[in-house]
Amino acid sequence: MKEKMKEIGSFLFENILGVASDIAKDKGKELVGTLGLETFTQIGADVMIDMGGSMIPAIGPAISTYKTNKKIKNLDIMIQKIADRLDLFEERYGKQSIENKEILDEIFNMITDKISNTYQTEKIEYMVNGYLELLNVKNPSFDTAYLYFDTLDKLTILDLSVLKLSYSVYTPYNRESISEFENYQELEREFDIDDSQYLVIKENLYRFGLLENEVDAGIAKSLDSIQKAVIELRSTTESIYNQLSGKKVKLKALTSKSKIKLKDRDRLKISKFGRQFVQFFVAMQD
């Protein structure tokens, strides 16, 4: 056991890069499946197999086998994605301090747990993208990283597609690289949903803080316009009253400031957090 520990480096992700390097030399090989979960346990990845179902006669072993194979497959995909951009991962990780590497290990351990348990394998690429982006952060924080990765873990691919489309609407110059759809009608056809379901998804993204209501965003501007209009109306009213009272004062005319038109902007658009979220997980890294 001690000999094995000597072969294993001090940091979890350092060892992951070693595994990714091996798989990069042999494209297409399912290295995690070949080595088994025991290897990942040795290098510190906290991947636990739920064997509780094995207590159920006949069905239990089948469920446990399915879950085990699913976890192995997910980790295979993760390693493949890292291997595809190995040079960039090694470059960024190599610039990190010892203290940062300790924090990054805790974060990566949390990520592997979410990856091994995800039902939608398409989300693995987003998580790998996010960790690569995290390697650019000078002072990584577990709490901040958890906020991002836990939010991603709770979203579906459909949720992400709607979010990316919202991002593209407000940043049209990025549309081709971010969203696969030109408009929401295309998205609805692809996922076979209707307008009511699309709205429910946007409301769900709103609850996560990824979208915001334009009424909320424009309320400060509207209040400022109302304040200016009230001041002008008061000033004009006083000048009329003074003239009627016989005072020689110039009558103040109303300007466009007194014309207030509150726009119906009760619709959801991407929030600041939503834009940061897309840029963190989705935007292609160079």
C-alpha atoms as a PDB file:
ATOM      1  CA  MET A   1       0.000   0.000   0.000  1.00  0.00           C
ATOM      2  CA  LYS A   2       2.841   2.404   0.858  1.00  0.00           C
ATOM      3  CA  GLU A   3       4.472   1.685  -2.489  1.00  0.00           C
ATOM      4  CA  LYS A   4       1.236   2.532  -4.255  1.00  0.00           C
ATOM      5  CA  MET A   5       0.964   5.796  -2.329  1.00  0.00           C
ATOM      6  CA  LYS A   6       4.472   6.753  -3.395  1.00  0.00           C
ATOM      7  CA  GLU A   7       3.452   6.278  -7.011  1.00  0.00           C
ATOM      8  CA  ILE A   8       0.525   8.610  -6.464  1.00  0.00           C
ATOM      9  CA  GLY A   9       1.256  12.351  -6.403  1.00  0.00           C
ATOM     10  CA  SER A  10       0.302  14.752  -3.635  1.00  0.00           C
ATOM     11  CA  PHE A  11      -2.650  16.282  -5.465  1.00  0.00           C
ATOM     12  CA  LEU A  12      -5.791  14.672  -6.837  1.00  0.00           C
ATOM     13  CA  PHE A  13      -5.974  16.632 -10.074  1.00  0.00           C
ATOM     14  CA  GLU A  14      -2.261  16.116 -10.662  1.00  0.00           C
ATOM     15  CA  ASN A  15      -2.956  12.402 -10.818  1.00  0.00           C
ATOM     16  CA  ILE A  16      -6.017  12.947 -12.989  1.00  0.00           C
ATOM     17  CA  LEU A  17      -3.778  14.727 -15.498  1.00  0.00           C
ATOM     18  CA  GLY A  18      -1.503  11.696 -15.438  1.00  0.00           C
ATOM     19  CA  VAL A  19      -4.416   9.405 -16.256  1.00  0.00           C
ATOM     20  CA  ALA A  20      -5.589  11.810 -18.973  1.00  0.00           C
ATOM     21  CA  SER A  21      -2.078  11.830 -20.430  1.00  0.00           C
ATOM     22  CA  ASP A  22      -2.129   8.030 -20.680  1.00  0.00           C
ATOM     23  CA  ILE A  23      -5.502   8.024 -22.385  1.00  0.00           C
ATOM     24  CA  ALA A  24      -4.409  10.788 -24.774  1.00  0.00           C
ATOM     25  CA  LYS A  25      -1.698   8.409 -25.994  1.00  0.00           C
ATOM     26  CA  ASP A  26      -4.290   5.741 -26.680  1.00  0.00           C
ATOM     27  CA  LYS A  27      -7.351   7.491 -28.084  1.00  0.00           C
ATOM     28  CA  GLY A  28     -10.650   5.694 -27.700  1.00  0.00           C
ATOM     29  CA  LYS A  29      -9.530   3.489 -24.828  1.00  0.00           C
ATOM     30  CA  GLU A  30     -11.914   3.476 -21.876  1.00  0.00           C
ATOM     31  CA  LEU A  31      -9.194   3.895 -19.309  1.00  0.00           C
ATOM     32  CA  VAL A  32     -11.415   4.264 -16.266  1.00  0.00           C
ATOM     33  CA  GLY A  33     -13.289   1.114 -17.143  1.00  0.00           C
ATOM     34  CA  THR A  34     -10.016  -0.703 -17.702  1.00  0.00           C
ATOM     35  CA  LEU A  35      -8.424   0.367 -14.439  1.00  0.00           C
ATOM     36  CA  GLY A  36     -11.660   0.126 -12.478  1.00  0.00           C
ATOM     37  CA  LEU A  37     -12.968   2.422  -9.760  1.00  0.00           C
ATOM     38  CA  GLU A  38     -10.301   1.137  -7.379  1.00  0.00           C
ATOM     39  CA  THR A  39      -7.713   3.274  -9.145  1.00  0.00           C
ATOM     40  CA  PHE A  40      -9.832   6.384  -8.718  1.00  0.00           C
ATOM     41  CA  THR A  41     -10.288   5.587  -5.050  1.00  0.00           C
ATOM     42  CA  GLN A  42      -6.501   5.331  -4.678  1.00  0.00           C
ATOM     43  CA  ILE A  43      -5.917   8.757  -6.174  1.00  0.00           C
ATOM     44  CA  GLY A  44      -8.532  10.308  -3.949  1.00  0.00           C
ATOM     45  CA  ALA A  45     -11.683  10.572  -6.059  1.00  0.00           C
ATOM     46  CA  ASP A  46     -14.607  10.029  -3.745  1.00  0.00           C
ATOM     47  CA  VAL A  47     -16.715   7.793  -5.971  1.00  0.00           C
ATOM     48  CA  MET A  48     -19.036   5.661  -3.870  1.00  0.00           C
ATOM     49  CA  ILE A  49     -21.104   2.852  -5.309  1.00  0.00           C
ATOM     50  CA  ASP A  50     -24.565   2.614  -3.833  1.00  0.00           C
ATOM     51  CA  MET A  51     -24.960  -1.053  -2.993  1.00  0.00           C
ATOM     52  CA  GLY A  52     -28.136  -0.587  -0.979  1.00  0.00           C
ATOM     53  CA  GLY A  53     -30.226  -1.971  -3.813  1.00  0.00           C
ATOM     54  CA  SER A  54     -28.445  -5.321  -3.575  1.00  0.00           C
ATOM     55  CA  MET A  55     -30.633  -6.156  -0.606  1.00  0.00           C
ATOM     56  CA  ILE A  56     -33.592  -6.482  -2.966  1.00  0.00           C
ATOM     57  CA  PRO A  57     -33.702 -10.044  -4.365  1.00  0.00           C
ATOM     58  CA  ALA A  58     -33.155 -10.326  -8.144  1.00  0.00           C
ATOM     59  CA  ILE A  59     -33.746  -6.637  -8.909  1.00  0.00           C
ATOM     60  CA  GLY A  60     -31.131  -5.301  -6.486  1.00  0.00           C
ATOM     61  CA  PRO A  61     -27.989  -6.689  -8.203  1.00  0.00           C
ATOM     62  CA  ALA A  62     -29.206  -5.456 -11.587  1.00  0.00           C
ATOM     63  CA  ILE A  63     -29.755  -1.941 -10.234  1.00  0.00           C
ATOM     64  CA  SER A  64     -26.360  -1.924  -8.515  1.00  0.00           C
ATOM     65  CA  THR A  65     -24.632  -3.112 -11.692  1.00  0.00           C
ATOM     66  CA  TYR A  66     -26.383  -0.458 -13.739  1.00  0.00           C
ATOM     67  CA  LYS A  67     -25.377   2.299 -11.304  1.00  0.00           C
ATOM     68  CA  THR A  68     -21.775   1.089 -11.193  1.00  0.00           C
ATOM     69  CA  ASN A  69     -21.495   0.959 -14.980  1.00  0.00           C
ATOM     70  CA  LYS A  70     -23.102   4.395 -15.249  1.00  0.00           C
ATOM     71  CA  LYS A  71     -20.564   5.921 -12.864  1.00  0.00           C
ATOM     72  CA  ILE A  72     -17.671   4.306 -14.718  1.00  0.00           C
ATOM     73  CA  LYS A  73     -19.003   5.528 -18.072  1.00  0.00           C
ATOM     74  CA  ASN A  74     -19.413   9.084 -16.760  1.00  0.00           C
ATOM     75  CA  LEU A  75     -15.852   9.127 -15.414  1.00  0.00           C
ATOM     76  CA  ASP A  76     -14.591   7.760 -18.728  1.00  0.00           C
ATOM     77  CA  ILE A  77     -16.237  10.695 -20.502  1.00  0.00           C
ATOM     78  CA  MET A  78     -14.748  13.150 -18.002  1.00  0.00           C
ATOM     79  CA  ILE A  79     -11.208  11.830 -18.536  1.00  0.00           C
ATOM     80  CA  GLN A  80     -11.681  11.878 -22.319  1.00  0.00           C
ATOM     81  CA  LYS A  81     -12.768  15.525 -22.189  1.00  0.00           C
ATOM     82  CA  ILE A  82      -9.737  16.445 -20.087  1.00  0.00           C
ATOM     83  CA  ALA A  83      -7.443  14.474 -22.410  1.00  0.00           C
ATOM     84  CA  ASP A  84      -8.834  16.374 -25.412  1.00  0.00           C
ATOM     85  CA  ARG A  85      -7.487  19.620 -23.932  1.00  0.00           C
ATOM     86  CA  LEU A  86      -4.661  18.219 -21.889  1.00  0.00           C
ATOM     87  CA  ASP A  87      -2.069  20.850 -22.841  1.00  0.00           C
ATOM     88  CA  LEU A  88      -4.317  23.680 -21.695  1.00  0.00           C
ATOM     89  CA  PHE A  89      -5.181  21.928 -18.437  1.00  0.00           C
ATOM     90  CA  GLU A  90      -1.507  21.225 -17.684  1.00  0.00           C
ATOM     91  CA  GLU A  91      -0.484  24.788 -18.534  1.00  0.00           C
ATOM     92  CA  ARG A  92      -3.069  26.415 -16.289  1.00  0.00           C
ATOM     93  CA  TYR A  93      -2.732  23.919 -13.439  1.00  0.00           C
ATOM     94  CA  GLY A  94       1.047  24.268 -13.484  1.00  0.00           C
ATOM     95  CA  LYS A  95       0.746  27.981 -12.687  1.00  0.00           C
ATOM     96  CA  GLN A  96      -1.249  27.374  -9.492  1.00  0.00           C
ATOM     97  CA  SER A  97       0.266  27.737  -6.025  1.00  0.00           C
ATOM     98  CA  ILE A  98       0.355  24.880  -3.499  1.00  0.00           C
ATOM     99  CA  GLU A  99      -2.443  26.555  -1.510  1.00  0.00           C
ATOM    100  CA  ASN A 100      -4.598  26.930  -4.619  1.00  0.00           C
ATOM    101  CA  LYS A 101      -4.020  23.308  -5.624  1.00  0.00           C
ATOM    102  CA  GLU A 102      -5.361  22.166  -2.262  1.00  0.00           C
ATOM    103  CA  ILE A 103      -8.551  24.190  -2.805  1.00  0.00           C
ATOM    104  CA  LEU A 104      -8.803  23.037  -6.419  1.00  0.00           C
ATOM    105  CA  ASP A 105      -8.560  19.406  -5.259  1.00  0.00           C
ATOM    106  CA  GLU A 106     -11.520  19.908  -2.928  1.00  0.00           C
ATOM    107  CA  ILE A 107     -13.476  21.467  -5.754  1.00  0.00           C
ATOM    108  CA  PHE A 108     -12.534  18.725  -8.224  1.00  0.00           C
ATOM    109  CA  ASN A 109     -13.524  16.056  -5.707  1.00  0.00           C
ATOM    110  CA  MET A 110     -16.946  17.707  -5.466  1.00  0.00           C
ATOM    111  CA  ILE A 111     -17.185  17.874  -9.264  1.00  0.00           C
ATOM    112  CA  THR A 112     -16.337  14.183  -9.774  1.00  0.00           C
ATOM    113  CA  ASP A 113     -19.101  13.299  -7.351  1.00  0.00           C
ATOM    114  CA  LYS A 114     -21.609  15.284  -9.410  1.00  0.00           C
ATOM    115  CA  ILE A 115     -20.248  13.920 -12.697  1.00  0.00           C
ATOM    116  CA  SER A 116     -20.428  10.302 -11.573  1.00  0.00           C
ATOM    117  CA  ASN A 117     -24.071  10.755 -10.573  1.00  0.00           C
ATOM    118  CA  THR A 118     -25.372  12.862 -13.467  1.00  0.00           C
ATOM    119  CA  TYR A 119     -28.121  11.348 -15.596  1.00  0.00           C
ATOM    120  CA  GLN A 120     -27.334  13.495 -18.637  1.00  0.00           C
ATOM    121  CA  THR A 121     -23.821  12.823 -19.889  1.00  0.00           C
ATOM    122  CA  GLU A 122     -23.946  15.959 -22.075  1.00  0.00           C
ATOM    123  CA  LYS A 123     -23.509  18.003 -18.888  1.00  0.00           C
ATOM    124  CA  ILE A 124     -20.072  16.491 -18.252  1.00  0.00           C
ATOM    125  CA  GLU A 125     -18.488  18.679 -20.913  1.00  0.00           C
ATOM    126  CA  TYR A 126     -19.920  21.776 -19.234  1.00  0.00           C
ATOM    127  CA  MET A 127     -18.436  20.706 -15.886  1.00  0.00           C
ATOM    128  CA  VAL A 128     -15.036  20.064 -17.440  1.00  0.00           C
ATOM    129  CA  ASN A 129     -15.228  23.474 -19.154  1.00  0.00           C
ATOM    130  CA  GLY A 130     -16.055  25.057 -15.808  1.00  0.00           C
ATOM    131  CA  TYR A 131     -13.073  23.479 -14.070  1.00  0.00           C
ATOM    132  CA  LEU A 132     -10.785  24.630 -16.871  1.00  0.00           C
ATOM    133  CA  GLU A 133     -12.129  28.158 -16.447  1.00  0.00           C
ATOM    134  CA  LEU A 134     -11.608  27.851 -12.691  1.00  0.00           C
ATOM    135  CA  LEU A 135      -7.896  27.203 -13.296  1.00  0.00           C
ATOM    136  CA  ASN A 136      -7.712  30.805 -14.571  1.00  0.00           C
ATOM    137  CA  VAL A 137      -8.910  32.211 -11.243  1.00  0.00           C
ATOM    138  CA  LYS A 138      -6.164  33.673  -9.059  1.00  0.00           C
ATOM    139  CA  ASN A 139      -7.912  32.962  -5.762  1.00  0.00           C
ATOM    140  CA  PRO A 140     -10.344  30.047  -6.222  1.00  0.00           C
ATOM    141  CA  SER A 141     -13.080  29.703  -3.614  1.00  0.00           C
ATOM    142  CA  PHE A 142     -14.866  26.451  -2.804  1.00  0.00           C
ATOM    143  CA  ASP A 143     -18.047  28.313  -1.851  1.00  0.00           C
ATOM    144  CA  THR A 144     -18.219  30.234  -5.128  1.00  0.00           C
ATOM    145  CA  ALA A 145     -17.344  27.145  -7.167  1.00  0.00           C
ATOM    146  CA  TYR A 146     -20.021  25.137  -5.336  1.00  0.00           C
ATOM    147  CA  LEU A 147     -22.637  27.788  -6.190  1.00  0.00           C
ATOM    148  CA  TYR A 148     -21.843  27.460  -9.898  1.00  0.00           C
ATOM    149  CA  PHE A 149     -21.456  23.675 -10.093  1.00  0.00           C
ATOM    150  CA  ASP A 150     -24.429  22.923  -7.828  1.00  0.00           C
ATOM    151  CA  THR A 151     -26.637  25.189  -9.948  1.00  0.00           C
ATOM    152  CA  LEU A 152     -25.443  23.401 -13.093  1.00  0.00           C
ATOM    153  CA  ASP A 153     -26.097  20.046 -11.435  1.00  0.00           C
ATOM    154  CA  LYS A 154     -29.743  21.013 -10.890  1.00  0.00           C
ATOM    155  CA  LEU A 155     -30.343  22.085 -14.495  1.00  0.00           C
ATOM    156  CA  THR A 156     -31.252  19.880 -17.445  1.00  0.00           C
ATOM    157  CA  ILE A 157     -29.919  20.106 -20.993  1.00  0.00           C
ATOM    158  CA  LEU A 158     -33.231  21.720 -21.952  1.00  0.00           C
ATOM    159  CA  ASP A 159     -32.772  24.328 -19.204  1.00  0.00           C
ATOM    160  CA  LEU A 160     -29.263  25.048 -20.468  1.00  0.00           C
ATOM    161  CA  SER A 161     -30.468  25.371 -24.053  1.00  0.00           C
ATOM    162  CA  VAL A 162     -33.056  27.964 -23.028  1.00  0.00           C
ATOM    163  CA  LEU A 163     -30.434  29.839 -20.994  1.00  0.00           C
ATOM    164  CA  LYS A 164     -27.970  29.846 -23.893  1.00  0.00           C
ATOM    165  CA  LEU A 165     -30.665  31.180 -26.213  1.00  0.00           C
ATOM    166  CA  SER A 166     -31.445  33.972 -23.730  1.00  0.00           C
ATOM    167  CA  TYR A 167     -27.738  34.786 -23.626  1.00  0.00           C
ATOM    168  CA  SER A 168     -27.588  34.929 -27.415  1.00  0.00           C
ATOM    169  CA  VAL A 169     -30.586  37.264 -27.621  1.00  0.00           C
ATOM    170  CA  TYR A 170     -28.842  39.849 -25.439  1.00  0.00           C
ATOM    171  CA  THR A 171     -25.373  39.240 -26.893  1.00  0.00           C
ATOM    172  CA  PRO A 172     -26.156  38.528 -30.582  1.00  0.00           C
ATOM    173  CA  TYR A 173     -22.515  38.642 -31.657  1.00  0.00           C
ATOM    174  CA  ASN A 174     -21.960  35.395 -29.731  1.00  0.00           C
ATOM    175  CA  ARG A 175     -25.022  33.584 -31.075  1.00  0.00           C
ATOM    176  CA  GLU A 176     -23.221  31.074 -33.304  1.00  0.00           C
ATOM    177  CA  SER A 177     -20.776  29.921 -30.642  1.00  0.00           C
ATOM    178  CA  ILE A 178     -23.245  29.826 -27.734  1.00  0.00           C
ATOM    179  CA  SER A 179     -26.725  28.779 -28.875  1.00  0.00           C
ATOM    180  CA  GLU A 180     -27.608  26.145 -31.458  1.00  0.00           C
ATOM    181  CA  PHE A 181     -30.932  27.880 -32.119  1.00  0.00           C
ATOM    182  CA  GLU A 182     -31.862  31.113 -33.891  1.00  0.00           C
ATOM    183  CA  ASN A 183     -35.089  31.554 -31.936  1.00  0.00           C
ATOM    184  CA  TYR A 184     -37.293  29.903 -29.349  1.00  0.00           C
ATOM    185  CA  GLN A 185     -39.538  28.336 -32.012  1.00  0.00           C
ATOM    186  CA  GLU A 186     -36.598  26.256 -33.266  1.00  0.00           C
ATOM    187  CA  LEU A 187     -35.819  25.197 -29.704  1.00  0.00           C
ATOM    188  CA  GLU A 188     -39.421  24.181 -29.057  1.00  0.00           C
ATOM    189  CA  ARG A 189     -39.485  22.033 -32.182  1.00  0.00           C
ATOM    190  CA  GLU A 190     -36.195  20.357 -31.284  1.00  0.00           C
ATOM    191  CA  PHE A 191     -37.297  19.454 -27.746  1.00  0.00           C
ATOM    192  CA  ASP A 192     -40.960  18.931 -28.678  1.00  0.00           C
ATOM    193  CA  ILE A 193     -42.350  21.421 -26.149  1.00  0.00           C
ATOM    194  CA  ASP A 194     -44.990  24.148 -26.420  1.00  0.00           C
ATOM    195  CA  ASP A 195     -45.073  27.799 -25.351  1.00  0.00           C
ATOM    196  CA  SER A 196     -46.441  27.036 -21.890  1.00  0.00           C
ATOM    197  CA  GLN A 197     -43.644  24.569 -21.169  1.00  0.00           C
ATOM    198  CA  TYR A 198     -41.056  27.017 -22.498  1.00  0.00           C
ATOM    199  CA  LEU A 199     -42.395  29.637 -20.074  1.00  0.00           C
ATOM    200  CA  VAL A 200     -42.186  27.198 -17.139  1.00  0.00           C
ATOM    201  CA  ILE A 201     -38.521  26.551 -17.961  1.00  0.00           C
ATOM    202  CA  LYS A 202     -37.773  30.288 -18.026  1.00  0.00           C
ATOM    203  CA  GLU A 203     -39.522  30.719 -14.678  1.00  0.00           C
ATOM    204  CA  ASN A 204     -37.375  27.912 -13.278  1.00  0.00           C
ATOM    205  CA  LEU A 205     -34.231  29.704 -14.488  1.00  0.00           C
ATOM    206  CA  TYR A 206     -35.596  32.877 -12.868  1.00  0.00           C
ATOM    207  CA  ARG A 207     -35.824  31.078  -9.513  1.00  0.00           C
ATOM    208  CA  PHE A 208     -32.147  30.135  -9.813  1.00  0.00           C
ATOM    209  CA  GLY A 209     -31.273  33.777 -10.457  1.00  0.00           C
ATOM    210  CA  LEU A 210     -30.110  33.067 -14.005  1.00  0.00           C
ATOM    211  CA  LEU A 211     -32.887  35.221 -15.507  1.00  0.00           C
ATOM    212  CA  GLU A 212     -34.356  38.475 -14.237  1.00  0.00           C
ATOM    213  CA  ASN A 213     -37.580  40.350 -14.848  1.00  0.00           C
ATOM    214  CA  GLU A 214     -37.227  43.492 -16.956  1.00  0.00           C
ATOM    215  CA  VAL A 215     -39.724  45.188 -14.645  1.00  0.00           C
ATOM    216  CA  ASP A 216     -37.197  44.745 -11.820  1.00  0.00           C
ATOM    217  CA  ALA A 217     -34.345  45.966 -14.020  1.00  0.00           C
ATOM    218  CA  GLY A 218     -36.195  49.085 -15.232  1.00  0.00           C
ATOM    219  CA  ILE A 219     -37.979  50.149 -12.066  1.00  0.00           C
ATOM    220  CA  ALA A 220     -35.231  52.563 -10.952  1.00  0.00           C
ATOM    221  CA  LYS A 221     -35.265  54.316 -14.334  1.00  0.00           C
ATOM    222  CA  SER A 222     -39.067  54.587 -14.242  1.00  0.00           C
ATOM    223  CA  LEU A 223     -39.042  56.089 -10.733  1.00  0.00           C
ATOM    224  CA  ASP A 224     -36.471  58.661 -11.831  1.00  0.00           C
ATOM    225  CA  SER A 225     -38.715  59.697 -14.752  1.00  0.00           C
ATOM    226  CA  ILE A 226     -41.735  59.968 -12.459  1.00  0.00           C
ATOM    227  CA  GLN A 227     -39.790  62.142 -10.004  1.00  0.00           C
ATOM    228  CA  LYS A 228     -38.713  64.540 -12.749  1.00  0.00           C
ATOM    229  CA  ALA A 229     -42.277  64.743 -14.097  1.00  0.00           C
ATOM    230  CA  VAL A 230     -43.722  65.507 -10.645  1.00  0.00           C
ATOM    231  CA  ILE A 231     -41.167  68.285 -10.092  1.00  0.00           C
ATOM    232  CA  GLU A 232     -41.998  69.861 -13.452  1.00  0.00           C
ATOM    233  CA  LEU A 233     -45.760  69.593 -12.901  1.00  0.00           C
ATOM    234  CA  ARG A 234     -45.419  71.215  -9.494  1.00  0.00           C
ATOM    235  CA  SER A 235     -43.322  74.043 -10.889  1.00  0.00           C
ATOM    236  CA  THR A 236     -45.804  74.699 -13.725  1.00  0.00           C
ATOM    237  CA  THR A 237     -48.789  74.535 -11.353  1.00  0.00           C
ATOM    238  CA  GLU A 238     -47.148  77.090  -9.039  1.00  0.00           C
ATOM    239  CA  SER A 239     -46.531  79.464 -11.955  1.00  0.00           C
ATOM    240  CA  ILE A 240     -50.222  79.223 -13.002  1.00  0.00           C
ATOM    241  CA  TYR A 241     -51.372  79.835  -9.429  1.00  0.00           C
ATOM    242  CA  ASN A 242     -49.107  82.870  -9.105  1.00  0.00           C
ATOM    243  CA  GLN A 243     -50.445  84.372 -12.361  1.00  0.00           C
ATOM    244  CA  LEU A 244     -54.035  83.832 -11.230  1.00  0.00           C
ATOM    245  CA  SER A 245     -53.111  85.562  -7.956  1.00  0.00           C
ATOM    246  CA  GLY A 246     -52.003  88.651  -9.866  1.00  0.00           C
ATOM    247  CA  LYS A 247     -48.299  88.115  -9.559  1.00  0.00           C
ATOM    248  CA  LYS A 248     -46.174  89.009 -12.549  1.00  0.00           C
ATOM    249  CA  VAL A 249     -44.415  85.747 -13.181  1.00  0.00           C
ATOM    250  CA  LYS A 250     -43.584  83.916 -16.345  1.00  0.00           C
ATOM    251  CA  LEU A 251     -45.808  80.946 -17.007  1.00  0.00           C
ATOM    252  CA  LYS A 252     -43.723  77.793 -17.167  1.00  0.00           C
ATOM    253  CA  ALA A 253     -44.648  75.489 -20.005  1.00  0.00           C
ATOM    254  CA  LEU A 254     -44.638  71.760 -19.675  1.00  0.00           C
ATOM    255  CA  THR A 255     -41.916  69.832 -21.502  1.00  0.00           C
ATOM    256  CA  SER A 256     -41.581  66.235 -22.595  1.00  0.00           C
ATOM    257  CA  LYS A 257     -40.412  65.375 -19.075  1.00  0.00           C
ATOM    258  CA  SER A 258     -44.001  65.503 -17.874  1.00  0.00           C
ATOM    259  CA  LYS A 259     -45.087  62.903 -20.412  1.00  0.00           C
ATOM    260  CA  ILE A 260     -44.640  59.540 -18.740  1.00  0.00           C
ATOM    261  CA  LYS A 261     -45.265  56.293 -20.548  1.00  0.00           C
ATOM    262  CA  LEU A 262     -44.637  53.197 -18.485  1.00  0.00           C
ATOM    263  CA  LYS A 263     -43.746  50.348 -20.786  1.00  0.00           C
ATOM    264  CA  ASP A 264     -45.060  46.853 -20.251  1.00  0.00           C
ATOM    265  CA  ARG A 265     -41.762  45.041 -19.747  1.00  0.00           C
ATOM    266  CA  ASP A 266     -42.962  42.103 -17.718  1.00  0.00           C
ATOM    267  CA  ARG A 267     -40.679  39.574 -19.381  1.00  0.00           C
ATOM    268  CA  LEU A 268     -37.679  37.534 -18.394  1.00  0.00           C
ATOM    269  CA  LYS A 269     -34.188  38.186 -19.698  1.00  0.00           C
ATOM    270  CA  ILE A 270     -30.777  36.846 -18.748  1.00  0.00           C
ATOM    271  CA  SER A 271     -29.357  38.264 -15.514  1.00  0.00           C
ATOM    272  CA  LYS A 272     -25.787  39.237 -14.686  1.00  0.00           C
ATOM    273  CA  PHE A 273     -25.341  35.917 -12.882  1.00  0.00           C
ATOM    274  CA  GLY A 274     -26.812  34.157 -15.907  1.00  0.00           C
ATOM    275  CA  ARG A 275     -24.290  35.786 -18.243  1.00  0.00           C
ATOM    276  CA  GLN A 276     -21.421  34.900 -15.916  1.00  0.00           C
ATOM    277  CA  PHE A 277     -22.758  31.350 -15.657  1.00  0.00           C
ATOM    278  CA  VAL A 278     -22.837  30.908 -19.446  1.00  0.00           C
ATOM    279  CA  GLN A 279     -19.380  32.420 -19.827  1.00  0.00           C
ATOM    280  CA  PHE A 280     -18.049  30.084 -17.120  1.00  0.00           C
ATOM    281  CA  PHE A 281     -19.492  26.810 -18.387  1.00  0.00           C
ATOM    282  CA  VAL A 282     -20.492  27.232 -22.004  1.00  0.00           C
ATOM    283  CA  ALA A 283     -18.335  29.801 -23.776  1.00  0.00           C
ATOM    284  CA  MET A 284     -15.535  27.998 -25.631  1.00  0.00           C
ATOM    285  CA  GLN A 285     -12.133  28.277 -24.014  1.00  0.00           C
ATOM    286  CA  ASP A 286      -9.107  29.089 -26.168  1.00  0.00           C
END
